[in-house]
Protein backbone atom coordinates (compact mmCIF):
# COMPACT_ATOMS: atom_id res chain seq x y z
CA MET A 1 -38.14 32.17 29.16
CA SER A 2 -39.98 28.85 29.43
CA MET A 3 -38.97 26.05 31.78
CA GLU A 4 -37.96 23.94 28.76
CA GLU A 5 -35.60 26.69 27.58
CA GLU A 6 -34.11 27.04 31.06
CA ASN A 7 -33.43 23.30 31.21
CA LEU A 8 -31.43 23.51 27.97
CA LEU A 9 -29.03 26.16 29.22
CA PRO A 10 -26.56 23.85 30.97
CA ARG A 11 -26.54 21.58 27.91
CA GLU A 12 -25.85 24.53 25.66
CA ARG A 13 -22.89 25.48 27.86
CA ILE A 14 -21.52 21.96 27.53
CA LEU A 15 -21.81 22.23 23.74
CA ALA A 16 -19.96 25.55 23.97
CA GLY A 17 -17.04 23.82 25.71
CA GLU A 18 -17.85 25.11 29.20
CA LEU A 19 -18.31 21.76 30.94
CA ALA A 20 -15.70 22.47 33.64
CA LYS A 21 -17.39 25.80 34.47
CA LEU A 22 -20.78 24.29 35.27
CA SER A 23 -21.83 24.27 38.91
CA VAL A 24 -22.82 21.09 40.70
CA GLU A 25 -26.45 22.14 40.39
CA GLU A 26 -26.14 22.68 36.63
CA LEU A 27 -24.49 19.31 36.12
CA LEU A 28 -27.29 17.67 38.08
CA CYS A 29 -29.85 19.50 35.92
CA VAL A 30 -28.34 17.84 32.86
CA ILE A 31 -28.52 14.41 34.53
CA LEU A 32 -32.07 14.90 35.81
CA GLY A 33 -33.49 16.44 32.65
CA ARG A 34 -36.68 17.70 34.30
CA GLY A 35 -38.26 18.39 37.64
CA MET A 36 -41.69 17.56 38.98
CA PRO A 37 -44.97 19.40 39.62
CA GLY A 38 -44.29 21.99 42.31
CA LYS A 39 -40.47 21.60 42.14
CA ASN A 40 -38.56 22.54 39.00
CA VAL A 41 -35.32 20.83 37.98
CA PHE A 42 -33.15 23.61 39.40
CA GLU A 43 -34.75 23.35 42.85
CA LEU A 44 -34.42 19.58 42.74
CA ALA A 45 -30.76 19.81 41.68
CA LYS A 46 -29.99 22.29 44.47
CA GLU A 47 -31.41 19.94 47.10
CA ILE A 48 -29.40 16.98 45.76
CA ALA A 49 -26.24 19.10 45.57
CA GLY A 50 -26.68 19.95 49.25
CA ILE A 51 -26.61 16.24 50.07
CA LEU A 52 -23.58 15.53 47.90
CA GLU A 53 -21.53 18.43 49.28
CA LYS A 54 -22.01 17.22 52.86
CA LYS A 55 -20.81 13.70 52.07
CA SER A 56 -17.23 12.47 52.08
CA ARG A 57 -18.51 9.21 50.56
CA MET A 58 -20.96 8.01 47.93
CA PRO A 59 -24.57 8.70 49.02
CA THR A 60 -26.83 5.71 49.43
CA ILE A 61 -29.91 5.06 47.33
CA GLU A 62 -31.99 5.56 50.50
CA GLU A 63 -30.52 9.03 51.07
CA LEU A 64 -31.34 10.10 47.54
CA LEU A 65 -34.84 8.66 47.73
CA GLY A 66 -35.38 10.92 50.72
CA VAL A 67 -35.48 13.90 48.34
CA ARG A 68 -39.08 14.64 47.39
CA GLY A 69 -39.47 14.26 43.64
CA LEU A 70 -36.49 11.97 43.16
CA GLY A 71 -37.59 8.45 42.30
CA VAL A 72 -35.76 5.17 41.99
CA ALA A 73 -34.82 5.67 38.32
CA LYS A 74 -33.27 9.12 38.77
CA SER A 75 -31.57 8.14 42.04
CA ALA A 76 -29.98 5.15 40.31
CA GLN A 77 -28.97 7.38 37.40
CA ILE A 78 -27.15 9.80 39.72
CA LEU A 79 -25.38 6.97 41.54
CA ALA A 80 -24.33 5.44 38.20
CA CYS A 81 -22.85 8.79 37.10
CA LEU A 82 -20.92 9.13 40.37
CA GLU A 83 -19.61 5.57 40.16
CA LEU A 84 -18.56 6.01 36.54
CA SER A 85 -16.78 9.24 37.42
CA GLY A 86 -14.96 7.50 40.27
CA ARG A 87 -13.79 4.71 38.00
CA PHE A 88 -12.65 7.21 35.39
CA MET A 89 -10.67 9.21 37.95
CA LEU A 90 -8.97 6.04 39.18
CA GLY A 91 -7.92 5.37 35.61
CA MET A 92 -6.31 8.81 35.47
CA GLN A 93 -4.03 7.85 38.34
CA ASP A 94 -2.00 5.71 35.94
CA LYS A 95 -0.83 8.81 34.08
CA PRO A 96 2.21 10.81 35.25
CA ILE A 97 1.40 14.32 36.43
CA CYS A 98 3.43 16.86 34.47
CA SER A 99 1.63 20.11 35.37
CA PRO A 100 -0.81 21.45 37.99
CA ALA A 101 -3.58 21.66 35.38
CA GLU A 102 -3.48 17.88 35.00
CA LEU A 103 -4.58 17.53 38.63
CA MET A 104 -7.63 19.77 38.22
CA PRO A 105 -10.06 17.06 37.05
CA GLN A 106 -9.32 15.11 40.23
CA LEU A 107 -9.75 18.22 42.39
CA ALA A 108 -13.00 19.41 40.83
CA PHE A 109 -14.88 18.53 44.04
CA LEU A 110 -13.11 21.45 45.75
CA LYS A 111 -14.42 24.09 43.36
CA HIS A 112 -17.89 24.55 44.84
CA SER A 113 -17.42 23.55 48.47
CA LYS A 114 -18.84 26.13 50.88
CA GLN A 115 -16.08 25.39 53.41
CA GLU A 116 -12.34 25.51 52.98
CA ASN A 117 -10.95 22.02 52.53
CA MET A 118 -7.30 21.07 52.36
CA VAL A 119 -6.15 17.91 50.62
CA SER A 120 -2.84 16.27 49.85
CA ILE A 121 -2.04 14.46 46.63
CA THR A 122 0.63 11.84 47.18
CA LEU A 123 2.85 10.84 44.26
CA ASN A 124 5.07 7.86 43.56
CA GLY A 125 8.49 7.79 41.89
CA ALA A 126 6.93 7.95 38.44
CA ASN A 127 5.01 11.14 39.38
CA LYS A 128 1.72 9.22 39.33
CA VAL A 129 -1.02 9.89 41.86
CA ILE A 130 -1.13 7.37 44.69
CA LYS A 131 -4.11 8.86 46.49
CA ILE A 132 -5.89 12.11 47.34
CA HIS A 133 -6.31 12.58 51.10
CA ASN A 134 -8.56 14.96 53.03
CA ILE A 135 -6.36 16.79 55.52
CA THR A 136 -8.68 19.34 57.13
CA ILE A 137 -12.15 20.80 56.73
CA GLY A 138 -12.35 24.36 58.00
CA THR A 139 -14.76 27.27 58.04
CA ALA A 140 -16.00 29.48 55.23
CA ASN A 141 -12.69 31.32 55.06
CA SER A 142 -9.98 29.27 56.78
CA THR A 143 -8.69 25.75 57.17
CA PRO A 144 -6.02 25.31 59.83
CA ALA A 145 -3.43 22.66 59.00
CA HIS A 146 -0.38 21.37 60.85
CA PRO A 147 2.54 19.71 59.03
CA ARG A 148 2.13 16.68 61.29
CA GLU A 149 -1.34 15.92 59.92
CA ALA A 150 -0.45 17.13 56.44
CA PHE A 151 2.39 14.65 55.93
CA ALA A 152 1.00 11.64 57.82
CA PRO A 153 -0.78 10.18 54.72
CA ALA A 154 2.33 10.69 52.57
CA ILE A 155 4.40 8.67 55.03
CA GLU A 156 1.78 5.90 55.05
CA ASP A 157 1.68 5.90 51.23
CA ARG A 158 5.50 5.74 51.01
CA ALA A 159 5.19 8.76 48.73
CA VAL A 160 8.28 10.31 47.16
CA ALA A 161 6.61 13.70 46.61
CA ILE A 162 3.43 15.55 47.54
CA VAL A 163 1.17 18.33 46.28
CA PHE A 164 -1.19 20.25 48.55
CA ALA A 165 -4.42 21.95 47.48
CA HIS A 166 -7.17 23.88 49.20
CA ASN A 167 -10.20 25.83 48.05
CA HIS A 168 -11.44 29.39 48.55
CA PRO A 169 -15.26 29.43 48.81
CA SER A 170 -15.16 33.19 48.10
CA GLY A 171 -14.45 32.48 44.43
CA SER A 172 -11.00 34.09 44.47
CA HIS A 173 -8.04 31.81 43.86
CA GLU A 174 -5.37 34.32 44.83
CA PRO A 175 -3.25 32.99 47.73
CA SER A 176 -3.56 34.90 50.98
CA MET A 177 -0.68 35.72 53.30
CA GLU A 178 -1.80 32.83 55.50
CA ASP A 179 -1.64 30.54 52.47
CA LEU A 180 1.92 31.65 51.74
CA LEU A 181 3.05 31.19 55.33
CA LEU A 182 1.50 27.72 55.43
CA THR A 183 3.20 26.84 52.15
CA GLN A 184 6.53 27.92 53.58
CA ARG A 185 6.03 25.72 56.68
CA LEU A 186 4.95 22.73 54.59
CA CYS A 187 7.96 23.04 52.30
CA GLU A 188 10.31 23.22 55.29
CA ALA A 189 8.71 20.09 56.77
CA GLY A 190 8.93 18.32 53.41
CA ARG A 191 12.65 18.97 53.21
CA ILE A 192 13.16 17.50 56.69
CA LEU A 193 11.06 14.42 55.85
CA GLN A 194 12.62 14.13 52.38
CA ILE A 195 9.16 14.26 50.82
CA PRO A 196 9.40 17.38 48.65
CA VAL A 197 6.36 19.59 48.20
CA LEU A 198 5.99 20.06 44.45
CA ASP A 199 3.23 22.68 44.64
CA HIS A 200 0.39 24.15 46.67
CA LEU A 201 -2.73 24.89 44.62
CA VAL A 202 -5.49 27.34 45.52
CA VAL A 203 -8.75 26.27 43.88
CA SER A 204 -12.02 28.16 43.45
CA SER A 205 -15.07 28.15 41.24
CA SER A 206 -13.30 30.59 38.91
CA GLY A 207 -10.05 28.66 38.43
CA PHE A 208 -6.86 27.85 40.31
CA THR A 209 -3.46 29.30 41.17
CA SER A 210 -0.18 27.46 41.50
CA ILE A 211 1.73 29.03 44.38
CA ARG A 212 4.95 27.57 43.00
CA SER A 213 4.52 29.54 39.79
CA SER A 214 4.82 32.85 41.70
CA TYR A 215 6.83 31.84 44.76
CA ALA A 216 9.27 29.24 43.47
CA GLU A 217 11.79 30.16 46.17
CA TYR A 218 9.61 28.43 48.80
CA PHE A 219 10.03 25.11 47.01
CA GLU A 220 13.79 25.17 46.42
């Protein structure tokens, strides 16, 4: 297979309706289009993805220019895509959330993280997203969380409800026993604070699971 044919593969997957299944590297390949002598587009995309996954904020133009083979034009193109995505996601916050699947576009950043991250999604009285908060960043297979830290942003946001989500870097989105015990503790704390937990989502590169769908008794 030629390099030109390899570069078309992510685009072909988009045309086949698999956009949400593309990795960060594959999405970057589509944005970049091509690599450079001595570094193909996939190697370049992998290096940029490593920068993006370590950041909790937008990278600077200087940080991107530090990648060998990435010039001003491509760096600006990546930043423009990230900014446009951020503005689009903010627009989605005006829509009421009616199902866990409707939150997935805003939680896509969890899918390919190499560490477990836990976030809270605070909701207002109209079931619209107020904000997504990072609660904890853990190891490759755990992310300890205490209800005190978990609910602090919801109190600050004057939220009337909350959804929690965390990722499994292993690729499995089946909740572990630790996940279930944490969900139980969070739901108990939510009842005391009168900020009900609507769901706890387990996200991975292969999909997501709603814990409420299988363990509704925790949320009652």
